[in-house]
Amino acid sequence: MGLSPERQELIFVEAKGGSSQLSTTGRLLPDGTRAPQGSTAYLNDIARVDTTFQDWLRANPDVPQGLADGRVTARYQLVHATPGGKVRIFELQLDRATLDIRLVDN
């Protein structure tokens, strides 16, 4: 995860190497459904349960507020490195209607 210098873009990264691919089975969500890696639901869940990320949001309250009011946009990227050292970056599509990156209560 990274924040642009202007604090207007929050970029999340799924890093893969070699023949690795995004997991289609992904994560088990609290409602019992599964979210494939690279999906908006997967990112929402990771952001919710990652305590380091949640601590970072608490230390940077302008970011969750900016995400809520549109001053900060979120991007999700797949970064893939081949065995030969070539790196490719792909934009993963986020569903803005269901994107939910915010502080959660402990």
Protein backbone atom coordinates (compact mmCIF):
# COMPACT_ATOMS: atom_id res chain seq x y z
CA MET A 1 0.00 0.00 0.00
CA GLY A 2 1.20 3.47 -0.75
CA LEU A 3 -0.11 7.01 -0.59
CA SER A 4 0.73 9.52 -3.31
CA PRO A 5 2.81 12.54 -2.22
CA GLU A 6 -0.26 14.76 -2.68
CA ARG A 7 -2.23 12.39 -0.41
CA GLN A 8 -4.90 12.04 -3.10
CA GLU A 9 -4.37 8.42 -4.19
CA LEU A 10 -4.17 5.34 -2.01
CA ILE A 11 -2.68 2.45 -3.99
CA PHE A 12 -3.01 -1.18 -2.93
CA VAL A 13 -0.84 -3.85 -4.53
CA GLU A 14 -1.15 -7.58 -5.05
CA ALA A 15 2.38 -8.78 -5.82
CA LYS A 16 2.95 -12.02 -7.72
CA GLY A 17 6.01 -13.60 -9.19
CA GLY A 18 6.84 -16.37 -11.63
CA SER A 19 3.80 -18.46 -12.50
CA SER A 20 1.78 -17.29 -9.47
CA GLN A 21 -1.71 -16.01 -10.17
CA LEU A 22 -4.46 -14.35 -8.18
CA SER A 23 -6.34 -16.89 -6.07
CA THR A 24 -9.85 -17.56 -7.32
CA THR A 25 -10.87 -19.01 -3.94
CA GLY A 26 -9.52 -15.95 -2.13
CA ARG A 27 -10.79 -15.29 1.35
CA LEU A 28 -13.70 -16.50 3.42
CA LEU A 29 -15.73 -13.42 4.35
CA PRO A 30 -17.69 -12.92 7.58
CA ASP A 31 -20.98 -13.58 5.74
CA GLY A 32 -19.74 -17.03 4.66
CA THR A 33 -19.13 -16.14 1.01
CA ARG A 34 -15.73 -16.20 -0.67
CA ALA A 35 -14.01 -13.23 -2.30
CA PRO A 36 -11.44 -13.90 -5.04
CA GLN A 37 -8.09 -12.19 -4.66
CA GLY A 38 -8.09 -8.94 -6.61
CA SER A 39 -11.79 -8.22 -6.02
CA THR A 40 -13.27 -5.25 -4.20
CA ALA A 41 -14.72 -7.56 -1.52
CA TYR A 42 -11.26 -9.11 -0.97
CA LEU A 43 -9.65 -5.68 -0.59
CA ASN A 44 -12.40 -4.50 1.77
CA ASP A 45 -11.83 -7.54 3.99
CA ILE A 46 -8.04 -7.21 4.02
CA ALA A 47 -8.34 -3.50 4.89
CA ARG A 48 -10.78 -4.33 7.69
CA VAL A 49 -8.71 -7.08 9.37
CA ASP A 50 -5.15 -5.86 8.77
CA THR A 51 -4.24 -4.33 12.14
CA THR A 52 -1.14 -2.59 10.74
CA PHE A 53 -3.27 -0.91 8.07
CA GLN A 54 -5.93 0.02 10.61
CA ASP A 55 -3.23 1.56 12.86
CA TRP A 56 -1.94 3.49 9.83
CA LEU A 57 -5.44 4.83 9.13
CA ARG A 58 -5.73 5.96 12.77
CA ALA A 59 -2.41 7.79 12.45
CA ASN A 60 -3.55 9.40 9.16
CA PRO A 61 -7.20 10.38 9.78
CA ASP A 62 -7.31 12.56 6.66
CA VAL A 63 -7.08 9.42 4.51
CA PRO A 64 -10.24 7.59 5.64
CA GLN A 65 -12.07 10.93 5.69
CA GLY A 66 -10.80 11.67 2.17
CA LEU A 67 -11.88 8.22 0.97
CA ALA A 68 -15.35 8.88 2.40
CA ASP A 69 -15.76 12.33 0.84
CA GLY A 70 -13.97 11.68 -2.47
CA ARG A 71 -10.80 13.73 -1.90
CA VAL A 72 -8.79 10.47 -1.87
CA THR A 73 -9.24 7.77 -4.50
CA ALA A 74 -8.25 4.14 -4.13
CA ARG A 75 -6.47 2.11 -6.78
CA TYR A 76 -5.77 -1.62 -6.74
CA GLN A 77 -2.93 -3.04 -8.82
CA LEU A 78 -1.52 -6.44 -9.67
CA VAL A 79 2.27 -6.28 -9.94
CA HIS A 80 3.71 -9.37 -11.60
CA ALA A 81 7.42 -10.15 -11.94
CA THR A 82 8.46 -12.82 -14.43
CA PRO A 83 11.34 -15.22 -13.71
CA GLY A 84 13.33 -13.21 -16.27
CA GLY A 85 12.91 -10.03 -14.25
CA LYS A 86 10.27 -8.24 -16.31
CA VAL A 87 7.72 -6.43 -14.15
CA ARG A 88 4.21 -5.74 -15.40
CA ILE A 89 1.55 -3.70 -13.64
CA PHE A 90 -2.16 -4.27 -14.20
CA GLU A 91 -5.01 -2.17 -12.83
CA LEU A 92 -7.56 -4.23 -10.94
CA GLN A 93 -11.08 -2.90 -11.22
CA LEU A 94 -12.67 -1.66 -8.01
CA ASP A 95 -16.43 -1.46 -7.63
CA ARG A 96 -16.85 2.06 -6.26
CA ALA A 97 -20.38 1.23 -5.08
CA THR A 98 -19.11 -1.48 -2.71
CA LEU A 99 -15.63 -0.15 -1.87
CA ASP A 100 -15.49 0.17 1.92
CA ILE A 101 -12.04 1.12 3.21
CA ARG A 102 -12.42 2.73 6.60
CA LEU A 103 -11.52 2.57 10.25
CA VAL A 104 -13.20 -0.21 12.15
CA ASP A 105 -13.92 -0.37 15.86
CA ASN A 106 -11.63 -2.60 17.86
